């Protein structure tokens, strides 16, 4: 094996930085918040806003909830057999340490959440 050229070293450095960034992204956007939620979960009720959107071919609805007089917004999967109208109540679970992170109880107990955020 010969010496590495300057271009090879630059490429390797960029590849390593990209891998570290990717691992950090996966942890902070998926596993980190989920682990915190698992340790610090609080069950509550939220109100459906009536707004929906589609992401990766899946339909979602938006809900609002309050923690310590602060308003937060979350979203949950709208499964094909569900109808969520504006003003409906939905059971959620939120992180008491980071109350801006929440999900519906149905999503929390399913494996679909990891698929939605791209870890399938």
PDB file of N, CA and C in Angstrom:
ATOM      1  N   UNK A   1       0.852  -1.171   0.000  1.00  0.00           N
ATOM      2  CA  UNK A   1       0.000   0.000   0.000  1.00  0.00           C
ATOM      3  C   UNK A   1       0.896   1.233   0.000  1.00  0.00           C
ATOM      4  N   UNK A   2       0.618   2.158  -0.889  1.00  0.00           N
ATOM      5  CA  UNK A   2       1.435   3.353  -1.033  1.00  0.00           C
ATOM      6  C   UNK A   2       1.006   4.462  -0.090  1.00  0.00           C
ATOM      7  N   UNK A   3       1.701   5.561  -0.213  1.00  0.00           N
ATOM      8  CA  UNK A   3       1.372   6.732   0.608  1.00  0.00           C
ATOM      9  C   UNK A   3       0.047   7.328   0.170  1.00  0.00           C
ATOM     10  N   UNK A   4      -0.641   7.919   1.131  1.00  0.00           N
ATOM     11  CA  UNK A   4      -1.881   8.615   0.819  1.00  0.00           C
ATOM     12  C   UNK A   4      -1.566  10.001   0.271  1.00  0.00           C
ATOM     13  N   UNK A   5      -2.242  10.347  -0.782  1.00  0.00           N
ATOM     14  CA  UNK A   5      -2.053  11.678  -1.349  1.00  0.00           C
ATOM     15  C   UNK A   5      -2.848  12.687  -0.524  1.00  0.00           C
ATOM     16  N   UNK A   6      -2.594  13.940  -0.772  1.00  0.00           N
ATOM     17  CA  UNK A   6      -3.324  14.997  -0.077  1.00  0.00           C
ATOM     18  C   UNK A   6      -4.818  14.890  -0.370  1.00  0.00           C
ATOM     19  N   UNK A   7      -5.177  14.574  -1.604  1.00  0.00           N
ATOM     20  CA  UNK A   7      -6.581  14.423  -1.986  1.00  0.00           C
ATOM     21  C   UNK A   7      -7.228  13.268  -1.225  1.00  0.00           C
ATOM     22  N   UNK A   8      -6.482  12.158  -1.058  1.00  0.00           N
ATOM     23  CA  UNK A   8      -6.998  11.020  -0.292  1.00  0.00           C
ATOM     24  C   UNK A   8      -7.262  11.420   1.156  1.00  0.00           C
ATOM     25  N   UNK A   9      -6.351  12.162   1.751  1.00  0.00           N
ATOM     26  CA  UNK A   9      -6.510  12.597   3.140  1.00  0.00           C
ATOM     27  C   UNK A   9      -7.710  13.524   3.292  1.00  0.00           C
ATOM     28  N   UNK A  10      -7.887  14.421   2.342  1.00  0.00           N
ATOM     29  CA  UNK A  10      -9.036  15.332   2.376  1.00  0.00           C
ATOM     30  C   UNK A  10     -10.334  14.533   2.256  1.00  0.00           C
ATOM     31  N   UNK A  11     -10.359  13.588   1.338  1.00  0.00           N
ATOM     32  CA  UNK A  11     -11.549  12.756   1.152  1.00  0.00           C
ATOM     33  C   UNK A  11     -11.876  11.973   2.422  1.00  0.00           C
ATOM     34  N   UNK A  12     -10.885  11.364   3.024  1.00  0.00           N
ATOM     35  CA  UNK A  12     -11.090  10.586   4.253  1.00  0.00           C
ATOM     36  C   UNK A  12     -11.587  11.492   5.374  1.00  0.00           C
ATOM     37  N   UNK A  13     -11.004  12.671   5.495  1.00  0.00           N
ATOM     38  CA  UNK A  13     -11.429  13.616   6.533  1.00  0.00           C
ATOM     39  C   UNK A  13     -12.885  14.014   6.335  1.00  0.00           C
ATOM     40  N   UNK A  14     -13.261  14.321   5.107  1.00  0.00           N
ATOM     41  CA  UNK A  14     -14.645  14.701   4.808  1.00  0.00           C
ATOM     42  C   UNK A  14     -15.588  13.532   5.084  1.00  0.00           C
ATOM     43  N   UNK A  15     -15.194  12.329   4.710  1.00  0.00           N
ATOM     44  CA  UNK A  15     -16.026  11.151   4.943  1.00  0.00           C
ATOM     45  C   UNK A  15     -16.242  10.913   6.432  1.00  0.00           C
ATOM     46  N   UNK A  16     -15.190  11.059   7.228  1.00  0.00           N
ATOM     47  CA  UNK A  16     -15.309  10.866   8.678  1.00  0.00           C
ATOM     48  C   UNK A  16     -16.208  11.944   9.282  1.00  0.00           C
ATOM     49  N   UNK A  17     -16.018  13.200   8.875  1.00  0.00           N
ATOM     50  CA  UNK A  17     -16.869  14.279   9.387  1.00  0.00           C
ATOM     51  C   UNK A  17     -18.330  14.057   9.018  1.00  0.00           C
ATOM     52  N   UNK A  18     -18.569  13.602   7.800  1.00  0.00           N
ATOM     53  CA  UNK A  18     -19.938  13.323   7.369  1.00  0.00           C
ATOM     54  C   UNK A  18     -20.544  12.194   8.195  1.00  0.00           C
ATOM     55  N   UNK A  19     -19.774  11.146   8.469  1.00  0.00           N
ATOM     56  CA  UNK A  19     -20.264  10.022   9.275  1.00  0.00           C
ATOM     57  C   UNK A  19     -20.587  10.472  10.700  1.00  0.00           C
ATOM     58  N   UNK A  20     -19.734  11.312  11.279  1.00  0.00           N
ATOM     59  CA  UNK A  20     -19.983  11.825  12.631  1.00  0.00           C
ATOM     60  C   UNK A  20     -21.233  12.697  12.635  1.00  0.00           C
ATOM     61  N   UNK A  21     -21.362  13.569  11.641  1.00  0.00           N
ATOM     62  CA  UNK A  21     -22.544  14.414  11.541  1.00  0.00           C
ATOM     63  C   UNK A  21     -23.799  13.555  11.393  1.00  0.00           C
ATOM     64  N   UNK A  22     -23.741  12.515  10.569  1.00  0.00           N
ATOM     65  CA  UNK A  22     -24.887  11.632  10.370  1.00  0.00           C
ATOM     66  C   UNK A  22     -25.295  10.930  11.655  1.00  0.00           C
ATOM     67  N   UNK A  23     -24.325  10.435  12.402  1.00  0.00           N
ATOM     68  CA  UNK A  23     -24.620   9.771  13.672  1.00  0.00           C
ATOM     69  C   UNK A  23     -25.236  10.758  14.658  1.00  0.00           C
ATOM     70  N   UNK A  24     -24.705  11.973  14.707  1.00  0.00           N
ATOM     71  CA  UNK A  24     -25.251  13.006  15.584  1.00  0.00           C
ATOM     72  C   UNK A  24     -26.693  13.327  15.195  1.00  0.00           C
ATOM     73  N   UNK A  25     -26.960  13.462  13.908  1.00  0.00           N
ATOM     74  CA  UNK A  25     -28.311  13.765  13.418  1.00  0.00           C
ATOM     75  C   UNK A  25     -29.284  12.660  13.797  1.00  0.00           C
ATOM     76  N   UNK A  26     -28.890  11.413  13.573  1.00  0.00           N
ATOM     77  CA  UNK A  26     -29.755  10.279  13.900  1.00  0.00           C
ATOM     78  C   UNK A  26     -30.063  10.275  15.390  1.00  0.00           C
ATOM     79  N   UNK A  27     -29.068  10.518  16.222  1.00  0.00           N
ATOM     80  CA  UNK A  27     -29.285  10.499  17.666  1.00  0.00           C
ATOM     81  C   UNK A  27     -30.175  11.654  18.120  1.00  0.00           C
ATOM     82  N   UNK A  28     -29.877  12.869  17.673  1.00  0.00           N
ATOM     83  CA  UNK A  28     -30.624  14.029  18.170  1.00  0.00           C
ATOM     84  C   UNK A  28     -32.036  14.109  17.614  1.00  0.00           C
ATOM     85  N   UNK A  29     -32.286  13.567  16.435  1.00  0.00           N
ATOM     86  CA  UNK A  29     -33.622  13.641  15.840  1.00  0.00           C
ATOM     87  C   UNK A  29     -34.469  12.412  16.114  1.00  0.00           C
ATOM     88  N   UNK A  30     -33.873  11.337  16.579  1.00  0.00           N
ATOM     89  CA  UNK A  30     -34.643  10.113  16.785  1.00  0.00           C
ATOM     90  C   UNK A  30     -34.419   9.475  18.131  1.00  0.00           C
ATOM     91  N   UNK A  31     -33.271   8.875  18.295  1.00  0.00           N
ATOM     92  CA  UNK A  31     -33.034   8.063  19.482  1.00  0.00           C
ATOM     93  C   UNK A  31     -32.902   8.875  20.761  1.00  0.00           C
ATOM     94  N   UNK A  32     -32.247  10.003  20.741  1.00  0.00           N
ATOM     95  CA  UNK A  32     -32.089  10.822  21.939  1.00  0.00           C
ATOM     96  C   UNK A  32     -33.417  11.281  22.508  1.00  0.00           C
ATOM     97  N   UNK A  33     -34.247  11.956  21.696  1.00  0.00           N
ATOM     98  CA  UNK A  33     -35.556  12.381  22.202  1.00  0.00           C
ATOM     99  C   UNK A  33     -36.441  11.211  22.628  1.00  0.00           C
ATOM    100  N   UNK A  34     -36.390  10.102  21.898  1.00  0.00           N
ATOM    101  CA  UNK A  34     -37.210   8.951  22.281  1.00  0.00           C
ATOM    102  C   UNK A  34     -36.751   8.358  23.605  1.00  0.00           C
ATOM    103  N   UNK A  35     -35.442   8.293  23.826  1.00  0.00           N
ATOM    104  CA  UNK A  35     -34.934   7.789  25.102  1.00  0.00           C
ATOM    105  C   UNK A  35     -35.347   8.703  26.246  1.00  0.00           C
ATOM    106  N   UNK A  36     -35.266  10.008  26.036  1.00  0.00           N
ATOM    107  CA  UNK A  36     -35.674  10.954  27.063  1.00  0.00           C
ATOM    108  C   UNK A  36     -37.170  10.832  27.335  1.00  0.00           C
ATOM    109  N   UNK A  37     -37.956  10.693  26.281  1.00  0.00           N
ATOM    110  CA  UNK A  37     -39.400  10.536  26.440  1.00  0.00           C
ATOM    111  C   UNK A  37     -39.713   9.268  27.226  1.00  0.00           C
ATOM    112  N   UNK A  38     -39.005   8.207  26.930  1.00  0.00           N
ATOM    113  CA  UNK A  38     -39.227   6.941  27.622  1.00  0.00           C
ATOM    114  C   UNK A  38     -38.973   7.080  29.125  1.00  0.00           C
ATOM    115  N   UNK A  39     -37.948   7.848  29.498  1.00  0.00           N
ATOM    116  CA  UNK A  39     -37.587   8.025  30.907  1.00  0.00           C
ATOM    117  C   UNK A  39     -38.468   9.048  31.619  1.00  0.00           C
ATOM    118  N   UNK A  40     -38.965  10.056  30.885  1.00  0.00           N
ATOM    119  CA  UNK A  40     -39.649  11.198  31.494  1.00  0.00           C
ATOM    120  C   UNK A  40     -41.073  11.397  30.992  1.00  0.00           C
ATOM    121  N   UNK A  41     -41.737  10.332  30.608  1.00  0.00           N
ATOM    122  CA  UNK A  41     -43.050  10.485  29.966  1.00  0.00           C
ATOM    123  C   UNK A  41     -44.142  10.895  30.948  1.00  0.00           C
ATOM    124  N   UNK A  42     -45.018  11.750  30.426  1.00  0.00           N
ATOM    125  CA  UNK A  42     -46.216  12.193  31.136  1.00  0.00           C
ATOM    126  C   UNK A  42     -47.375  12.042  30.157  1.00  0.00           C
ATOM    127  N   UNK A  43     -48.434  11.387  30.603  1.00  0.00           N
ATOM    128  CA  UNK A  43     -49.615  11.233  29.768  1.00  0.00           C
ATOM    129  C   UNK A  43     -50.517  12.438  29.948  1.00  0.00           C
ATOM    130  N   UNK A  44     -51.108  12.887  28.848  1.00  0.00           N
ATOM    131  CA  UNK A  44     -51.973  14.056  28.898  1.00  0.00           C
ATOM    132  C   UNK A  44     -52.986  13.970  27.764  1.00  0.00           C
ATOM    133  N   UNK A  45     -53.778  15.009  27.649  1.00  0.00           N
ATOM    134  CA  UNK A  45     -54.766  15.110  26.576  1.00  0.00           C
ATOM    135  C   UNK A  45     -54.478  16.367  25.766  1.00  0.00           C
ATOM    136  N   UNK A  46     -54.593  16.246  24.461  1.00  0.00           N
ATOM    137  CA  UNK A  46     -54.390  17.377  23.556  1.00  0.00           C
ATOM    138  C   UNK A  46     -55.656  17.583  22.738  1.00  0.00           C
ATOM    139  N   UNK A  47     -55.730  18.737  22.090  1.00  0.00           N
ATOM    140  CA  UNK A  47     -56.882  19.079  21.250  1.00  0.00           C
ATOM    141  C   UNK A  47     -56.438  19.129  19.793  1.00  0.00           C
ATOM    142  N   UNK A  48     -57.180  18.459  18.941  1.00  0.00           N
ATOM    143  CA  UNK A  48     -56.876  18.414  17.508  1.00  0.00           C
ATOM    144  C   UNK A  48     -57.214  19.762  16.879  1.00  0.00           C
ATOM    145  N   UNK A  49     -56.291  20.277  16.047  1.00  0.00           N
ATOM    146  CA  UNK A  49     -56.497  21.593  15.415  1.00  0.00           C
ATOM    147  C   UNK A  49     -57.336  21.515  14.151  1.00  0.00           C
ATOM    148  N   UNK A  50     -57.432  20.348  13.569  1.00  0.00           N
ATOM    149  CA  UNK A  50     -58.146  20.205  12.305  1.00  0.00           C
ATOM    150  C   UNK A  50     -57.227  20.294  11.100  1.00  0.00           C
ATOM    151  N   UNK A  51     -55.965  20.664  11.322  1.00  0.00           N
ATOM    152  CA  UNK A  51     -54.997  20.759  10.228  1.00  0.00           C
ATOM    153  C   UNK A  51     -54.363  19.390   9.985  1.00  0.00           C
ATOM    154  N   UNK A  52     -54.131  19.075   8.715  1.00  0.00           N
ATOM    155  CA  UNK A  52     -53.472  17.819   8.346  1.00  0.00           C
ATOM    156  C   UNK A  52     -52.414  18.098   7.297  1.00  0.00           C
ATOM    157  N   UNK A  53     -51.512  17.140   7.128  1.00  0.00           N
ATOM    158  CA  UNK A  53     -50.515  17.219   6.065  1.00  0.00           C
ATOM    159  C   UNK A  53     -50.059  15.812   5.717  1.00  0.00           C
ATOM    160  N   UNK A  54     -49.384  15.680   4.589  1.00  0.00           N
ATOM    161  CA  UNK A  54     -48.887  14.381   4.133  1.00  0.00           C
ATOM    162  C   UNK A  54     -47.368  14.442   4.066  1.00  0.00           C
ATOM    163  N   UNK A  55     -46.718  13.407   4.620  1.00  0.00           N
ATOM    164  CA  UNK A  55     -45.262  13.292   4.613  1.00  0.00           C
ATOM    165  C   UNK A  55     -44.911  11.854   4.288  1.00  0.00           C
ATOM    166  N   UNK A  56     -44.092  11.664   3.272  1.00  0.00           N
ATOM    167  CA  UNK A  56     -43.689  10.319   2.844  1.00  0.00           C
ATOM    168  C   UNK A  56     -44.899   9.419   2.592  1.00  0.00           C
ATOM    169  N   UNK A  57     -45.952   9.995   2.045  1.00  0.00           N
ATOM    170  CA  UNK A  57     -47.142   9.233   1.708  1.00  0.00           C
ATOM    171  C   UNK A  57     -48.043   8.912   2.892  1.00  0.00           C
ATOM    172  N   UNK A  58     -47.709   9.407   4.072  1.00  0.00           N
ATOM    173  CA  UNK A  58     -48.518   9.165   5.270  1.00  0.00           C
ATOM    174  C   UNK A  58     -49.215  10.458   5.676  1.00  0.00           C
ATOM    175  N   UNK A  59     -50.429  10.340   6.175  1.00  0.00           N
ATOM    176  CA  UNK A  59     -51.199  11.516   6.572  1.00  0.00           C
ATOM    177  C   UNK A  59     -51.058  11.739   8.082  1.00  0.00           C
ATOM    178  N   UNK A  60     -50.900  13.017   8.464  1.00  0.00           N
ATOM    179  CA  UNK A  60     -50.731  13.401   9.859  1.00  0.00           C
ATOM    180  C   UNK A  60     -51.723  14.492  10.230  1.00  0.00           C
ATOM    181  N   UNK A  61     -52.060  14.554  11.511  1.00  0.00           N
ATOM    182  CA  UNK A  61     -52.877  15.639  12.034  1.00  0.00           C
ATOM    183  C   UNK A  61     -52.076  16.383  13.096  1.00  0.00           C
ATOM    184  N   UNK A  62     -52.475  17.613  13.353  1.00  0.00           N
ATOM    185  CA  UNK A  62     -51.769  18.458  14.316  1.00  0.00           C
ATOM    186  C   UNK A  62     -52.641  18.631  15.548  1.00  0.00           C
ATOM    187  N   UNK A  63     -51.999  18.609  16.710  1.00  0.00           N
ATOM    188  CA  UNK A  63     -52.706  18.816  17.971  1.00  0.00           C
ATOM    189  C   UNK A  63     -51.975  19.852  18.809  1.00  0.00           C
ATOM    190  N   UNK A  64     -52.701  20.429  19.752  1.00  0.00           N
ATOM    191  CA  UNK A  64     -52.119  21.418  20.674  1.00  0.00           C
ATOM    192  C   UNK A  64     -52.363  20.965  22.105  1.00  0.00           C
ATOM    193  N   UNK A  65     -51.394  21.299  22.977  1.00  0.00           N
ATOM    194  CA  UNK A  65     -51.518  20.950  24.390  1.00  0.00           C
ATOM    195  C   UNK A  65     -50.773  21.977  25.224  1.00  0.00           C
ATOM    196  N   UNK A  66     -51.073  22.007  26.504  1.00  0.00           N
ATOM    197  CA  UNK A  66     -50.447  22.959  27.420  1.00  0.00           C
ATOM    198  C   UNK A  66     -49.715  22.227  28.532  1.00  0.00           C
ATOM    199  N   UNK A  67     -48.562  22.774  28.884  1.00  0.00           N
ATOM    200  CA  UNK A  67     -47.785  22.293  30.029  1.00  0.00           C
ATOM    201  C   UNK A  67     -47.321  23.523  30.792  1.00  0.00           C
ATOM    202  N   UNK A  68     -47.702  23.638  32.047  1.00  0.00           N
ATOM    203  CA  UNK A  68     -47.319  24.778  32.893  1.00  0.00           C
ATOM    204  C   UNK A  68     -47.618  26.120  32.224  1.00  0.00           C
ATOM    205  N   UNK A  69     -48.812  26.258  31.694  1.00  0.00           N
ATOM    206  CA  UNK A  69     -49.278  27.483  31.027  1.00  0.00           C
ATOM    207  C   UNK A  69     -48.499  27.851  29.766  1.00  0.00           C
ATOM    208  N   UNK A  70     -47.773  26.907  29.208  1.00  0.00           N
ATOM    209  CA  UNK A  70     -47.093  27.108  27.927  1.00  0.00           C
ATOM    210  C   UNK A  70     -47.780  26.229  26.886  1.00  0.00           C
ATOM    211  N   UNK A  71     -48.061  26.799  25.723  1.00  0.00           N
ATOM    212  CA  UNK A  71     -48.735  26.060  24.650  1.00  0.00           C
ATOM    213  C   UNK A  71     -47.703  25.384  23.751  1.00  0.00           C
ATOM    214  N   UNK A  72     -47.987  24.156  23.364  1.00  0.00           N
ATOM    215  CA  UNK A  72     -47.125  23.389  22.473  1.00  0.00           C
ATOM    216  C   UNK A  72     -47.978  22.777  21.379  1.00  0.00           C
ATOM    217  N   UNK A  73     -47.318  22.407  20.301  1.00  0.00           N
ATOM    218  CA  UNK A  73     -47.993  21.792  19.174  1.00  0.00           C
ATOM    219  C   UNK A  73     -47.246  20.517  18.815  1.00  0.00           C
ATOM    220  N   UNK A  74     -47.988  19.510  18.446  1.00  0.00           N
ATOM    221  CA  UNK A  74     -47.393  18.251  18.017  1.00  0.00           C
ATOM    222  C   UNK A  74     -48.158  17.702  16.837  1.00  0.00           C
ATOM    223  N   UNK A  75     -47.693  16.572  16.343  1.00  0.00           N
ATOM    224  CA  UNK A  75     -48.391  15.926  15.239  1.00  0.00           C
ATOM    225  C   UNK A  75     -48.403  14.425  15.460  1.00  0.00           C
ATOM    226  N   UNK A  76     -49.351  13.774  14.834  1.00  0.00           N
ATOM    227  CA  UNK A  76     -49.487  12.335  14.979  1.00  0.00           C
ATOM    228  C   UNK A  76     -50.007  11.750  13.678  1.00  0.00           C
ATOM    229  N   UNK A  77     -49.743  10.490  13.499  1.00  0.00           N
ATOM    230  CA  UNK A  77     -50.165   9.796  12.293  1.00  0.00           C
ATOM    231  C   UNK A  77     -51.673   9.643  12.285  1.00  0.00           C
ATOM    232  N   UNK A  78     -52.249   9.915  11.148  1.00  0.00           N
ATOM    233  CA  UNK A  78     -53.685   9.724  10.935  1.00  0.00           C
ATOM    234  C   UNK A  78     -53.838   8.410  10.167  1.00  0.00           C
ATOM    235  N   UNK A  79     -54.152   7.354  10.884  1.00  0.00           N
ATOM    236  CA  UNK A  79     -54.279   6.032  10.276  1.00  0.00           C
ATOM    237  C   UNK A  79     -55.558   5.983   9.436  1.00  0.00           C
ATOM    238  N   UNK A  80     -55.610   5.046   8.515  1.00  0.00           N
ATOM    239  CA  UNK A  80     -56.715   5.011   7.552  1.00  0.00           C
ATOM    240  C   UNK A  80     -58.077   4.814   8.207  1.00  0.00           C
ATOM    241  N   UNK A  81     -58.136   4.186   9.367  1.00  0.00           N
ATOM    242  CA  UNK A  81     -59.424   3.963  10.016  1.00  0.00           C
ATOM    243  C   UNK A  81     -59.768   5.049  11.036  1.00  0.00           C
ATOM    244  N   UNK A  82     -59.011   6.148  11.051  1.00  0.00           N
ATOM    245  CA  UNK A  82     -59.225   7.217  12.025  1.00  0.00           C
ATOM    246  C   UNK A  82     -59.850   8.442  11.385  1.00  0.00           C
ATOM    247  N   UNK A  83     -60.670   9.121  12.175  1.00  0.00           N
ATOM    248  CA  UNK A  83     -61.203  10.422  11.792  1.00  0.00           C
ATOM    249  C   UNK A  83     -60.926  11.358  12.961  1.00  0.00           C
ATOM    250  N   UNK A  84     -60.150  12.399  12.726  1.00  0.00           N
ATOM    251  CA  UNK A  84     -59.833  13.370  13.766  1.00  0.00           C
ATOM    252  C   UNK A  84     -60.351  14.727  13.305  1.00  0.00           C
ATOM    253  N   UNK A  85     -61.352  15.227  13.996  1.00  0.00           N
ATOM    254  CA  UNK A  85     -61.959  16.504  13.649  1.00  0.00           C
ATOM    255  C   UNK A  85     -61.453  17.604  14.578  1.00  0.00           C
ATOM    256  N   UNK A  86     -61.535  18.831  14.104  1.00  0.00           N
ATOM    257  CA  UNK A  86     -61.128  19.978  14.910  1.00  0.00           C
ATOM    258  C   UNK A  86     -61.871  19.951  16.243  1.00  0.00           C
ATOM    259  N   UNK A  87     -61.115  20.081  17.346  1.00  0.00           N
ATOM    260  CA  UNK A  87     -61.703  20.081  18.676  1.00  0.00           C
ATOM    261  C   UNK A  87     -61.737  18.725  19.355  1.00  0.00           C
ATOM    262  N   UNK A  88     -61.479  17.648  18.598  1.00  0.00           N
ATOM    263  CA  UNK A  88     -61.430  16.320  19.211  1.00  0.00           C
ATOM    264  C   UNK A  88     -60.270  16.244  20.199  1.00  0.00           C
ATOM    265  N   UNK A  89     -60.417  15.389  21.192  1.00  0.00           N
ATOM    266  CA  UNK A  89     -59.345  15.149  22.153  1.00  0.00           C
ATOM    267  C   UNK A  89     -58.546  13.929  21.733  1.00  0.00           C
ATOM    268  N   UNK A  90     -57.267  13.969  22.017  1.00  0.00           N
ATOM    269  CA  UNK A  90     -56.399  12.830  21.724  1.00  0.00           C
ATOM    270  C   UNK A  90     -55.444  12.647  22.899  1.00  0.00           C
ATOM    271  N   UNK A  91     -55.202  11.396  23.281  1.00  0.00           N
ATOM    272  CA  UNK A  91     -54.260  11.093  24.353  1.00  0.00           C
ATOM    273  C   UNK A  91     -52.846  11.179  23.790  1.00  0.00           C
ATOM    274  N   UNK A  92     -51.995  11.900  24.500  1.00  0.00           N
ATOM    275  CA  UNK A  92     -50.606  12.058  24.082  1.00  0.00           C
ATOM    276  C   UNK A  92     -49.688  11.704  25.234  1.00  0.00           C
ATOM    277  N   UNK A  93     -48.427  11.583  24.911  1.00  0.00           N
ATOM    278  CA  UNK A  93     -47.378  11.434  25.899  1.00  0.00           C
ATOM    279  C   UNK A  93     -46.327  12.477  25.552  1.00  0.00           C
ATOM    280  N   UNK A  94     -45.892  13.245  26.557  1.00  0.00           N
ATOM    281  CA  UNK A  94     -44.855  14.252  26.316  1.00  0.00           C
ATOM    282  C   UNK A  94     -43.727  14.069  27.314  1.00  0.00           C
ATOM    283  N   UNK A  95     -42.598  14.654  27.002  1.00  0.00           N
ATOM    284  CA  UNK A  95     -41.398  14.573  27.836  1.00  0.00           C
ATOM    285  C   UNK A  95     -41.447  15.700  28.862  1.00  0.00           C
ATOM    286  N   UNK A  96     -41.485  15.362  30.165  1.00  0.00           N
ATOM    287  CA  UNK A  96     -41.589  16.414  31.187  1.00  0.00           C
ATOM    288  C   UNK A  96     -40.337  17.274  31.263  1.00  0.00           C
ATOM    289  N   UNK A  97     -39.192  16.772  30.798  1.00  0.00           N
ATOM    290  CA  UNK A  97     -37.965  17.569  30.765  1.00  0.00           C
ATOM    291  C   UNK A  97     -37.951  18.480  29.540  1.00  0.00           C
ATOM    292  N   UNK A  98     -38.444  17.982  28.428  1.00  0.00           N
ATOM    293  CA  UNK A  98     -38.533  18.740  27.164  1.00  0.00           C
ATOM    294  C   UNK A  98     -39.978  18.650  26.671  1.00  0.00           C
ATOM    295  N   UNK A  99     -40.884  19.437  27.270  1.00  0.00           N
ATOM    296  CA  UNK A  99     -42.307  19.283  26.955  1.00  0.00           C
ATOM    297  C   UNK A  99     -42.689  19.599  25.513  1.00  0.00           C
ATOM    298  N   UNK A 100     -41.783  20.160  24.737  1.00  0.00           N
ATOM    299  CA  UNK A 100     -42.091  20.406  23.334  1.00  0.00           C
ATOM    300  C   UNK A 100     -42.007  19.127  22.502  1.00  0.00           C
ATOM    301  N   UNK A 101     -41.506  18.035  23.083  1.00  0.00           N
ATOM    302  CA  UNK A 101     -41.440  16.752  22.378  1.00  0.00           C
ATOM    303  C   UNK A 101     -42.579  15.869  22.865  1.00  0.00           C
ATOM    304  N   UNK A 102     -43.459  15.516  21.936  1.00  0.00           N
ATOM    305  CA  UNK A 102     -44.615  14.698  22.286  1.00  0.00           C
ATOM    306  C   UNK A 102     -44.995  13.814  21.112  1.00  0.00           C
ATOM    307  N   UNK A 103     -45.871  12.882  21.377  1.00  0.00           N
ATOM    308  CA  UNK A 103     -46.474  12.065  20.326  1.00  0.00           C
ATOM    309  C   UNK A 103     -47.757  11.464  20.867  1.00  0.00           C
ATOM    310  N   UNK A 104     -48.605  11.035  19.960  1.00  0.00           N
ATOM    311  CA  UNK A 104     -49.842  10.397  20.407  1.00  0.00           C
ATOM    312  C   UNK A 104     -49.476   9.092  21.101  1.00  0.00           C
ATOM    313  N   UNK A 105     -50.326   8.665  22.001  1.00  0.00           N
ATOM    314  CA  UNK A 105     -50.087   7.402  22.700  1.00  0.00           C
ATOM    315  C   UNK A 105     -50.043   6.258  21.692  1.00  0.00           C
ATOM    316  N   UNK A 106     -50.913   6.318  20.686  1.00  0.00           N
ATOM    317  CA  UNK A 106     -50.929   5.267  19.651  1.00  0.00           C
ATOM    318  C   UNK A 106     -49.586   5.195  18.931  1.00  0.00           C
ATOM    319  N   UNK A 107     -49.016   6.357  18.556  1.00  0.00           N
ATOM    320  CA  UNK A 107     -47.710   6.368  17.899  1.00  0.00           C
ATOM    321  C   UNK A 107     -46.604   5.902  18.847  1.00  0.00           C
ATOM    322  N   UNK A 108     -46.711   6.294  20.103  1.00  0.00           N
ATOM    323  CA  UNK A 108     -45.699   5.930  21.098  1.00  0.00           C
ATOM    324  C   UNK A 108     -45.592   4.414  21.251  1.00  0.00           C
ATOM    325  N   UNK A 109     -46.721   3.733  21.203  1.00  0.00           N
ATOM    326  CA  UNK A 109     -46.716   2.291  21.382  1.00  0.00           C
ATOM    327  C   UNK A 109     -46.623   1.518  20.068  1.00  0.00           C
ATOM    328  N   UNK A 110     -46.359   2.212  18.974  1.00  0.00           N
ATOM    329  CA  UNK A 110     -46.167   1.523  17.695  1.00  0.00           C
ATOM    330  C   UNK A 110     -44.725   1.708  17.246  1.00  0.00           C
ATOM    331  N   UNK A 111     -44.315   0.938  16.300  1.00  0.00           N
ATOM    332  CA  UNK A 111     -42.963   1.053  15.747  1.00  0.00           C
ATOM    333  C   UNK A 111     -42.926   2.051  14.604  1.00  0.00           C
ATOM    334  N   UNK A 112     -44.070   2.574  14.195  1.00  0.00           N
ATOM    335  CA  UNK A 112     -44.137   3.458  13.037  1.00  0.00           C
ATOM    336  C   UNK A 112     -43.355   4.752  13.206  1.00  0.00           C
ATOM    337  N   UNK A 113     -43.184   5.232  14.434  1.00  0.00           N
ATOM    338  CA  UNK A 113     -42.510   6.500  14.609  1.00  0.00           C
ATOM    339  C   UNK A 113     -41.103   6.476  14.012  1.00  0.00           C
ATOM    340  N   UNK A 114     -40.373   5.415  14.237  1.00  0.00           N
ATOM    341  CA  UNK A 114     -39.018   5.337  13.688  1.00  0.00           C
ATOM    342  C   UNK A 114     -39.022   5.319  12.169  1.00  0.00           C
ATOM    343  N   UNK A 115     -40.044   4.707  11.572  1.00  0.00           N
ATOM    344  CA  UNK A 115     -40.155   4.714  10.116  1.00  0.00           C
ATOM    345  C   UNK A 115     -40.419   6.128   9.606  1.00  0.00           C
ATOM    346  N   UNK A 116     -41.255   6.862  10.322  1.00  0.00           N
ATOM    347  CA  UNK A 116     -41.639   8.203   9.889  1.00  0.00           C
ATOM    348  C   UNK A 116     -40.436   9.135   9.868  1.00  0.00           C
ATOM    349  N   UNK A 117     -39.578   9.037  10.878  1.00  0.00           N
ATOM    350  CA  UNK A 117     -38.435   9.948  10.939  1.00  0.00           C
ATOM    351  C   UNK A 117     -37.236   9.426  10.139  1.00  0.00           C
ATOM    352  N   UNK A 118     -37.431   8.308   9.420  1.00  0.00           N
ATOM    353  CA  UNK A 118     -36.416   7.852   8.496  1.00  0.00           C
ATOM    354  C   UNK A 118     -35.473   6.787   8.997  1.00  0.00           C
ATOM    355  N   UNK A 119     -35.833   6.040  10.024  1.00  0.00           N
ATOM    356  CA  UNK A 119     -34.954   4.999  10.540  1.00  0.00           C
ATOM    357  C   UNK A 119     -35.454   3.618  10.199  1.00  0.00           C
ATOM    358  N   UNK A 120     -36.044   3.447   9.029  1.00  0.00           N
ATOM    359  CA  UNK A 120     -36.558   2.122   8.671  1.00  0.00           C
ATOM    360  C   UNK A 120     -35.557   1.359   7.862  1.00  0.00           C
TER     361      UNK A 120
END
